[in-house]
Amino acid sequence: MGNIYTVGPNEALIVSGGCCGSTKKSTIVGGWAWAWWLVTDVQRLSLEVMTLNPMCEQVETAQGVPLTVTGVAQCKIMKAEELLQTASEQFLGKSVKEVKMTVLQTLEGHLRAILGTLTVEEVYKDRDQFAALVREVAAPDVGRMGIEILSFTIKDVYDDVQYLASLGKAQTANVKRDADIGVAQANRDAGIKEAECERAAMDIKYNTDTKIEDNSRMFKLQKANFDKEINTAVRISQLIKK
């Protein structure tokens, strides 16, 4: 006689043993299995996502500056049969807490090792790349346990020697300096533009005044010629009348 065991999609049944001394191990996800009394062993393995919070305290960077880094990782046991078999060999009979602790220690080890190869600026300014590097390096190790890293992010970076605070002040000073330079350049450009506009206006005024003077001179010259012609015509007319 025996029992029927059912399991949802968030768990795996690991069935081993059976009649005739079988050593075969079966894995069932989201299904059921038959187990003989006394000769079949049935255990469960959680496939739910595990949230881990790796933390490395006072780890020296490549510059010798001690940093404390915290992160958040989402991991789970993979469902592929071969990987599930691997995970069962590693974690069968262990609680979820024990599984999480094993993966957490692995992540923290890689986090600590990589932190020692980077500068403070590389860690602080590009957290996404830092997190991606940790995930890339840690993935093969946890993969050999049948674990997949779904996500890994850096949550916080801080130190006790005020290095980051000094770095922030330096960045603020640089931003202010760049802003002051930008304002000075803008004022200079505006002054140059204003001078160019004034020069253009002066050129237009000069050209206009010159044209007015030329037109006035031509008008006076033509008027003088007209007056001369009129006077000549008047004198001729008077002579004819006499």
C-alpha atoms as a PDB file:
ATOM      1  CA  MET A   1       0.000   0.000   0.000  1.00  0.00           C
ATOM      2  CA  GLY A   2       1.007   3.605  -0.334  1.00  0.00           C
ATOM      3  CA  ASN A   3      -0.062   7.231  -0.573  1.00  0.00           C
ATOM      4  CA  ILE A   4      -0.613   9.802  -3.302  1.00  0.00           C
ATOM      5  CA  TYR A   5       1.299  13.057  -2.898  1.00  0.00           C
ATOM      6  CA  THR A   6       0.388  16.224  -4.782  1.00  0.00           C
ATOM      7  CA  VAL A   7       2.449  19.348  -5.283  1.00  0.00           C
ATOM      8  CA  GLY A   8       1.823  22.823  -6.703  1.00  0.00           C
ATOM      9  CA  PRO A   9       3.970  24.767  -9.184  1.00  0.00           C
ATOM     10  CA  ASN A  10       5.874  26.444  -6.349  1.00  0.00           C
ATOM     11  CA  GLU A  11       7.268  23.179  -4.946  1.00  0.00           C
ATOM     12  CA  ALA A  12       9.040  20.069  -6.159  1.00  0.00           C
ATOM     13  CA  LEU A  13       8.459  16.530  -4.918  1.00  0.00           C
ATOM     14  CA  ILE A  14      11.633  14.494  -4.667  1.00  0.00           C
ATOM     15  CA  VAL A  15      10.712  10.809  -4.693  1.00  0.00           C
ATOM     16  CA  SER A  16      13.413   8.222  -4.069  1.00  0.00           C
ATOM     17  CA  GLY A  17      13.519   4.527  -3.241  1.00  0.00           C
ATOM     18  CA  GLY A  18      10.721   2.108  -4.096  1.00  0.00           C
ATOM     19  CA  CYS A  19      10.292  -1.557  -4.781  1.00  0.00           C
ATOM     20  CA  CYS A  20      13.201  -3.887  -5.498  1.00  0.00           C
ATOM     21  CA  GLY A  21      15.727  -1.506  -3.936  1.00  0.00           C
ATOM     22  CA  SER A  22      15.521   1.112  -6.710  1.00  0.00           C
ATOM     23  CA  THR A  23      17.968   4.003  -6.369  1.00  0.00           C
ATOM     24  CA  LYS A  24      16.273   6.158  -8.984  1.00  0.00           C
ATOM     25  CA  LYS A  25      15.215   9.618  -7.883  1.00  0.00           C
ATOM     26  CA  SER A  26      12.200  11.342  -9.462  1.00  0.00           C
ATOM     27  CA  THR A  27      11.291  15.028  -9.402  1.00  0.00           C
ATOM     28  CA  ILE A  28       7.728  16.260  -9.837  1.00  0.00           C
ATOM     29  CA  VAL A  29       6.657  19.896 -10.154  1.00  0.00           C
ATOM     30  CA  GLY A  30       2.981  20.817 -10.270  1.00  0.00           C
ATOM     31  CA  GLY A  31       1.730  17.229 -10.281  1.00  0.00           C
ATOM     32  CA  TRP A  32       1.428  14.101  -8.169  1.00  0.00           C
ATOM     33  CA  ALA A  33       3.366  10.982  -7.253  1.00  0.00           C
ATOM     34  CA  TRP A  34       2.659   7.566  -5.756  1.00  0.00           C
ATOM     35  CA  ALA A  35       4.805   6.475  -2.830  1.00  0.00           C
ATOM     36  CA  TRP A  36       4.940   3.001  -1.328  1.00  0.00           C
ATOM     37  CA  TRP A  37       4.837   2.785   2.396  1.00  0.00           C
ATOM     38  CA  LEU A  38       8.133   2.123   4.164  1.00  0.00           C
ATOM     39  CA  VAL A  39      10.201   1.776   0.970  1.00  0.00           C
ATOM     40  CA  THR A  40       9.680   5.174  -0.697  1.00  0.00           C
ATOM     41  CA  ASP A  41      10.984   8.488   0.585  1.00  0.00           C
ATOM     42  CA  VAL A  42       9.141  11.687  -0.397  1.00  0.00           C
ATOM     43  CA  GLN A  43      10.479  15.148   0.398  1.00  0.00           C
ATOM     44  CA  ARG A  44       9.583  18.632  -0.767  1.00  0.00           C
ATOM     45  CA  LEU A  45      11.793  21.390  -2.093  1.00  0.00           C
ATOM     46  CA  SER A  46      10.543  24.962  -2.284  1.00  0.00           C
ATOM     47  CA  LEU A  47      10.768  26.670  -5.689  1.00  0.00           C
ATOM     48  CA  GLU A  48       9.606  30.052  -4.452  1.00  0.00           C
ATOM     49  CA  VAL A  49      11.680  33.168  -4.970  1.00  0.00           C
ATOM     50  CA  MET A  50      14.081  33.856  -2.109  1.00  0.00           C
ATOM     51  CA  THR A  51      14.914  37.455  -1.221  1.00  0.00           C
ATOM     52  CA  LEU A  52      18.431  37.839   0.125  1.00  0.00           C
ATOM     53  CA  ASN A  53      20.163  40.884   1.584  1.00  0.00           C
ATOM     54  CA  PRO A  54      23.929  40.451   1.154  1.00  0.00           C
ATOM     55  CA  MET A  55      26.045  42.849   3.179  1.00  0.00           C
ATOM     56  CA  CYS A  56      29.798  43.406   3.313  1.00  0.00           C
ATOM     57  CA  GLU A  57      31.060  45.625   6.114  1.00  0.00           C
ATOM     58  CA  GLN A  58      34.286  47.612   6.117  1.00  0.00           C
ATOM     59  CA  VAL A  59      35.746  45.996   2.999  1.00  0.00           C
ATOM     60  CA  GLU A  60      38.759  47.819   1.582  1.00  0.00           C
ATOM     61  CA  THR A  61      38.516  48.940  -2.028  1.00  0.00           C
ATOM     62  CA  ALA A  62      41.427  49.049  -4.472  1.00  0.00           C
ATOM     63  CA  GLN A  63      42.347  52.433  -2.919  1.00  0.00           C
ATOM     64  CA  GLY A  64      42.329  51.062   0.613  1.00  0.00           C
ATOM     65  CA  VAL A  65      39.138  52.917   1.566  1.00  0.00           C
ATOM     66  CA  PRO A  66      36.866  50.724   3.750  1.00  0.00           C
ATOM     67  CA  LEU A  67      33.301  50.608   2.411  1.00  0.00           C
ATOM     68  CA  THR A  68      30.124  48.965   3.611  1.00  0.00           C
ATOM     69  CA  VAL A  69      27.895  47.739   0.784  1.00  0.00           C
ATOM     70  CA  THR A  70      24.390  46.292   1.010  1.00  0.00           C
ATOM     71  CA  GLY A  71      22.412  44.690  -1.783  1.00  0.00           C
ATOM     72  CA  VAL A  72      19.200  42.869  -2.629  1.00  0.00           C
ATOM     73  CA  ALA A  73      19.144  39.598  -4.554  1.00  0.00           C
ATOM     74  CA  GLN A  74      16.253  37.509  -5.844  1.00  0.00           C
ATOM     75  CA  CYS A  75      17.109  33.826  -6.281  1.00  0.00           C
ATOM     76  CA  LYS A  76      15.273  30.546  -6.775  1.00  0.00           C
ATOM     77  CA  ILE A  77      15.854  26.863  -7.390  1.00  0.00           C
ATOM     78  CA  MET A  78      15.534  26.159 -11.110  1.00  0.00           C
ATOM     79  CA  LYS A  79      12.848  23.791 -12.437  1.00  0.00           C
ATOM     80  CA  ALA A  80      14.867  22.097 -15.176  1.00  0.00           C
ATOM     81  CA  GLU A  81      15.060  18.419 -14.212  1.00  0.00           C
ATOM     82  CA  GLU A  82      18.848  18.131 -14.279  1.00  0.00           C
ATOM     83  CA  LEU A  83      19.263  21.304 -12.225  1.00  0.00           C
ATOM     84  CA  LEU A  84      16.491  20.265  -9.864  1.00  0.00           C
ATOM     85  CA  GLN A  85      18.323  16.992  -9.295  1.00  0.00           C
ATOM     86  CA  THR A  86      21.459  18.991  -8.508  1.00  0.00           C
ATOM     87  CA  ALA A  87      19.576  21.237  -6.087  1.00  0.00           C
ATOM     88  CA  SER A  88      18.054  18.222  -4.361  1.00  0.00           C
ATOM     89  CA  GLU A  89      21.522  16.791  -3.776  1.00  0.00           C
ATOM     90  CA  GLN A  90      22.597  20.087  -2.205  1.00  0.00           C
ATOM     91  CA  PHE A  91      19.540  21.133  -0.229  1.00  0.00           C
ATOM     92  CA  LEU A  92      17.215  18.172   0.343  1.00  0.00           C
ATOM     93  CA  GLY A  93      16.314  17.982   4.009  1.00  0.00           C
ATOM     94  CA  LYS A  94      17.376  21.586   4.628  1.00  0.00           C
ATOM     95  CA  SER A  95      15.022  24.398   5.535  1.00  0.00           C
ATOM     96  CA  VAL A  96      14.465  27.428   3.314  1.00  0.00           C
ATOM     97  CA  LYS A  97      16.444  29.443   5.853  1.00  0.00           C
ATOM     98  CA  GLU A  98      19.440  27.132   5.454  1.00  0.00           C
ATOM     99  CA  VAL A  99      19.216  27.312   1.656  1.00  0.00           C
ATOM    100  CA  LYS A 100      19.079  31.113   1.787  1.00  0.00           C
ATOM    101  CA  MET A 101      22.082  31.215   4.112  1.00  0.00           C
ATOM    102  CA  THR A 102      24.166  29.077   1.735  1.00  0.00           C
ATOM    103  CA  VAL A 103      23.361  31.266  -1.270  1.00  0.00           C
ATOM    104  CA  LEU A 104      23.801  34.440   0.787  1.00  0.00           C
ATOM    105  CA  GLN A 105      27.307  33.453   1.877  1.00  0.00           C
ATOM    106  CA  THR A 106      28.244  32.741  -1.737  1.00  0.00           C
ATOM    107  CA  LEU A 107      26.971  36.130  -2.907  1.00  0.00           C
ATOM    108  CA  GLU A 108      28.703  37.962  -0.075  1.00  0.00           C
ATOM    109  CA  GLY A 109      31.980  36.222  -0.866  1.00  0.00           C
ATOM    110  CA  HIS A 110      31.892  37.379  -4.483  1.00  0.00           C
ATOM    111  CA  LEU A 111      30.690  40.832  -3.461  1.00  0.00           C
ATOM    112  CA  ARG A 112      33.626  41.168  -1.088  1.00  0.00           C
ATOM    113  CA  ALA A 113      36.144  39.914  -3.663  1.00  0.00           C
ATOM    114  CA  ILE A 114      34.963  42.256  -6.428  1.00  0.00           C
ATOM    115  CA  LEU A 115      34.751  45.214  -4.058  1.00  0.00           C
ATOM    116  CA  GLY A 116      38.471  44.864  -3.401  1.00  0.00           C
ATOM    117  CA  THR A 117      39.283  45.323  -7.109  1.00  0.00           C
ATOM    118  CA  LEU A 118      37.331  48.556  -7.686  1.00  0.00           C
ATOM    119  CA  THR A 119      37.799  52.178  -6.702  1.00  0.00           C
ATOM    120  CA  VAL A 120      35.283  54.025  -4.554  1.00  0.00           C
ATOM    121  CA  GLU A 121      34.240  56.090  -7.564  1.00  0.00           C
ATOM    122  CA  GLU A 122      33.557  52.967  -9.651  1.00  0.00           C
ATOM    123  CA  VAL A 123      31.423  51.462  -6.890  1.00  0.00           C
ATOM    124  CA  TYR A 124      29.525  54.624  -6.022  1.00  0.00           C
ATOM    125  CA  LYS A 125      28.973  56.186  -9.439  1.00  0.00           C
ATOM    126  CA  ASP A 126      28.081  53.067 -11.429  1.00  0.00           C
ATOM    127  CA  ARG A 127      26.172  50.772  -9.107  1.00  0.00           C
ATOM    128  CA  ASP A 128      24.382  49.009 -11.958  1.00  0.00           C
ATOM    129  CA  GLN A 129      27.643  47.903 -13.544  1.00  0.00           C
ATOM    130  CA  PHE A 130      29.007  46.857 -10.149  1.00  0.00           C
ATOM    131  CA  ALA A 131      25.872  44.791  -9.459  1.00  0.00           C
ATOM    132  CA  ALA A 132      25.996  43.239 -12.938  1.00  0.00           C
ATOM    133  CA  LEU A 133      29.624  42.236 -12.359  1.00  0.00           C
ATOM    134  CA  VAL A 134      28.786  40.555  -9.031  1.00  0.00           C
ATOM    135  CA  ARG A 135      25.874  38.712 -10.615  1.00  0.00           C
ATOM    136  CA  GLU A 136      27.990  37.598 -13.580  1.00  0.00           C
ATOM    137  CA  VAL A 137      30.761  36.218 -11.365  1.00  0.00           C
ATOM    138  CA  ALA A 138      28.458  34.595  -8.791  1.00  0.00           C
ATOM    139  CA  ALA A 139      26.047  33.003 -11.298  1.00  0.00           C
ATOM    140  CA  PRO A 140      28.236  29.974 -12.191  1.00  0.00           C
ATOM    141  CA  ASP A 141      28.830  29.081  -8.529  1.00  0.00           C
ATOM    142  CA  VAL A 142      25.192  29.238  -7.465  1.00  0.00           C
ATOM    143  CA  GLY A 143      24.243  27.584 -10.769  1.00  0.00           C
ATOM    144  CA  ARG A 144      26.215  24.516  -9.706  1.00  0.00           C
ATOM    145  CA  MET A 145      23.820  24.342  -6.749  1.00  0.00           C
ATOM    146  CA  GLY A 146      20.801  24.496  -9.068  1.00  0.00           C
ATOM    147  CA  ILE A 147      20.142  28.122  -8.085  1.00  0.00           C
ATOM    148  CA  GLU A 148      19.387  30.973 -10.485  1.00  0.00           C
ATOM    149  CA  ILE A 149      20.000  34.650  -9.666  1.00  0.00           C
ATOM    150  CA  LEU A 150      16.916  36.446 -10.976  1.00  0.00           C
ATOM    151  CA  SER A 151      18.124  39.908 -10.005  1.00  0.00           C
ATOM    152  CA  PHE A 152      20.843  41.599  -8.008  1.00  0.00           C
ATOM    153  CA  THR A 153      21.009  45.291  -7.134  1.00  0.00           C
ATOM    154  CA  ILE A 154      23.195  47.448  -4.912  1.00  0.00           C
ATOM    155  CA  LYS A 155      21.042  49.029  -2.219  1.00  0.00           C
ATOM    156  CA  ASP A 156      23.466  51.274  -0.367  1.00  0.00           C
ATOM    157  CA  VAL A 157      27.126  52.257  -0.227  1.00  0.00           C
ATOM    158  CA  TYR A 158      28.605  54.126   2.725  1.00  0.00           C
ATOM    159  CA  ASP A 159      31.785  54.519   4.760  1.00  0.00           C
ATOM    160  CA  ASP A 160      32.889  55.651   8.217  1.00  0.00           C
ATOM    161  CA  VAL A 161      35.815  57.823   7.091  1.00  0.00           C
ATOM    162  CA  GLN A 162      33.760  60.504   5.296  1.00  0.00           C
ATOM    163  CA  TYR A 163      35.374  59.664   1.946  1.00  0.00           C
ATOM    164  CA  LEU A 164      32.059  59.643   0.108  1.00  0.00           C
ATOM    165  CA  ALA A 165      31.044  62.907   1.769  1.00  0.00           C
ATOM    166  CA  SER A 166      34.299  64.501   0.606  1.00  0.00           C
ATOM    167  CA  LEU A 167      33.752  63.066  -2.851  1.00  0.00           C
ATOM    168  CA  GLY A 168      30.264  64.557  -2.918  1.00  0.00           C
ATOM    169  CA  LYS A 169      31.576  67.959  -1.838  1.00  0.00           C
ATOM    170  CA  ALA A 170      34.225  67.841  -4.545  1.00  0.00           C
ATOM    171  CA  GLN A 171      31.593  66.988  -7.138  1.00  0.00           C
ATOM    172  CA  THR A 172      29.386  69.826  -5.886  1.00  0.00           C
ATOM    173  CA  ALA A 173      32.336  72.227  -6.107  1.00  0.00           C
ATOM    174  CA  ASN A 174      33.064  71.049  -9.642  1.00  0.00           C
ATOM    175  CA  VAL A 175      29.435  71.524 -10.645  1.00  0.00           C
ATOM    176  CA  LYS A 176      29.413  75.034  -9.140  1.00  0.00           C
ATOM    177  CA  ARG A 177      32.682  75.853 -10.889  1.00  0.00           C
ATOM    178  CA  ASP A 178      31.324  74.613 -14.206  1.00  0.00           C
ATOM    179  CA  ALA A 179      28.147  76.628 -13.639  1.00  0.00           C
ATOM    180  CA  ASP A 180      30.174  79.778 -12.893  1.00  0.00           C
ATOM    181  CA  ILE A 181      32.253  79.206 -16.012  1.00  0.00           C
ATOM    182  CA  GLY A 182      29.063  78.706 -18.004  1.00  0.00           C
ATOM    183  CA  VAL A 183      27.603  81.965 -16.684  1.00  0.00           C
ATOM    184  CA  ALA A 184      30.836  83.837 -17.466  1.00  0.00           C
ATOM    185  CA  GLN A 185      30.916  82.407 -20.979  1.00  0.00           C
ATOM    186  CA  ALA A 186      27.251  83.274 -21.488  1.00  0.00           C
ATOM    187  CA  ASN A 187      27.871  86.852 -20.299  1.00  0.00           C
ATOM    188  CA  ARG A 188      30.895  87.104 -22.575  1.00  0.00           C
ATOM    189  CA  ASP A 189      28.944  85.777 -25.557  1.00  0.00           C
ATOM    190  CA  ALA A 190      26.076  88.143 -24.766  1.00  0.00           C
ATOM    191  CA  GLY A 191      28.521  91.084 -24.601  1.00  0.00           C
ATOM    192  CA  ILE A 192      30.066  90.097 -27.926  1.00  0.00           C
ATOM    193  CA  LYS A 193      26.621  89.748 -29.505  1.00  0.00           C
ATOM    194  CA  GLU A 194      25.534  93.109 -28.112  1.00  0.00           C
ATOM    195  CA  ALA A 195      28.692  94.775 -29.475  1.00  0.00           C
ATOM    196  CA  GLU A 196      28.101  93.174 -32.866  1.00  0.00           C
ATOM    197  CA  CYS A 197      24.498  94.425 -32.884  1.00  0.00           C
ATOM    198  CA  GLU A 198      25.616  97.940 -31.913  1.00  0.00           C
ATOM    199  CA  ARG A 199      28.262  97.908 -34.641  1.00  0.00           C
ATOM    200  CA  ALA A 200      25.716  96.718 -37.193  1.00  0.00           C
ATOM    201  CA  ALA A 201      23.295  99.455 -36.081  1.00  0.00           C
ATOM    202  CA  MET A 202      26.070 102.066 -36.379  1.00  0.00           C
ATOM    203  CA  ASP A 203      26.936 100.804 -39.863  1.00  0.00           C
ATOM    204  CA  ILE A 204      23.293 101.034 -40.914  1.00  0.00           C
ATOM    205  CA  LYS A 205      22.996 104.559 -39.450  1.00  0.00           C
ATOM    206  CA  TYR A 206      26.215 105.651 -41.169  1.00  0.00           C
ATOM    207  CA  ASN A 207      25.073 104.240 -44.503  1.00  0.00           C
ATOM    208  CA  THR A 208      21.665 105.863 -44.089  1.00  0.00           C
ATOM    209  CA  ASP A 209      23.156 109.256 -43.160  1.00  0.00           C
ATOM    210  CA  THR A 210      25.547 109.028 -46.097  1.00  0.00           C
ATOM    211  CA  LYS A 211      22.706 108.290 -48.498  1.00  0.00           C
ATOM    212  CA  ILE A 212      20.657 111.184 -47.067  1.00  0.00           C
ATOM    213  CA  GLU A 213      23.595 113.563 -47.504  1.00  0.00           C
ATOM    214  CA  ASP A 214      24.206 112.334 -51.055  1.00  0.00           C
ATOM    215  CA  ASN A 215      20.525 112.711 -51.955  1.00  0.00           C
ATOM    216  CA  SER A 216      20.421 116.185 -50.365  1.00  0.00           C
ATOM    217  CA  ARG A 217      23.506 117.263 -52.299  1.00  0.00           C
ATOM    218  CA  MET A 218      22.092 115.931 -55.564  1.00  0.00           C
ATOM    219  CA  PHE A 219      18.768 117.670 -54.874  1.00  0.00           C
ATOM    220  CA  LYS A 220      20.499 121.011 -54.253  1.00  0.00           C
ATOM    221  CA  LEU A 221      22.601 120.576 -57.377  1.00  0.00           C
ATOM    222  CA  GLN A 222      19.574 119.746 -59.516  1.00  0.00           C
ATOM    223  CA  LYS A 223      17.617 122.649 -57.982  1.00  0.00           C
ATOM    224  CA  ALA A 224      20.455 125.035 -58.779  1.00  0.00           C
ATOM    225  CA  ASN A 225      20.486 123.812 -62.375  1.00  0.00           C
ATOM    226  CA  PHE A 226      16.712 124.181 -62.613  1.00  0.00           C
ATOM    227  CA  ASP A 227      16.880 127.703 -61.125  1.00  0.00           C
ATOM    228  CA  LYS A 228      19.630 128.629 -63.581  1.00  0.00           C
ATOM    229  CA  GLU A 229      17.598 127.351 -66.513  1.00  0.00           C
ATOM    230  CA  ILE A 230      14.511 129.209 -65.302  1.00  0.00           C
ATOM    231  CA  ASN A 231      16.436 132.469 -64.845  1.00  0.00           C
ATOM    232  CA  THR A 232      17.938 132.099 -68.305  1.00  0.00           C
ATOM    233  CA  ALA A 233      14.508 131.497 -69.818  1.00  0.00           C
ATOM    234  CA  VAL A 234      13.087 134.539 -68.013  1.00  0.00           C
ATOM    235  CA  ARG A 235      15.858 136.821 -69.293  1.00  0.00           C
ATOM    236  CA  ILE A 236      15.416 135.567 -72.839  1.00  0.00           C
ATOM    237  CA  SER A 237      11.685 136.182 -72.591  1.00  0.00           C
ATOM    238  CA  GLN A 238      12.240 139.715 -71.328  1.00  0.00           C
ATOM    239  CA  LEU A 239      14.671 140.465 -74.148  1.00  0.00           C
ATOM    240  CA  ILE A 240      12.196 139.216 -76.724  1.00  0.00           C
ATOM    241  CA  LYS A 241       9.457 141.473 -75.336  1.00  0.00           C
ATOM    242  CA  LYS A 242      11.694 144.519 -75.628  1.00  0.00           C
END
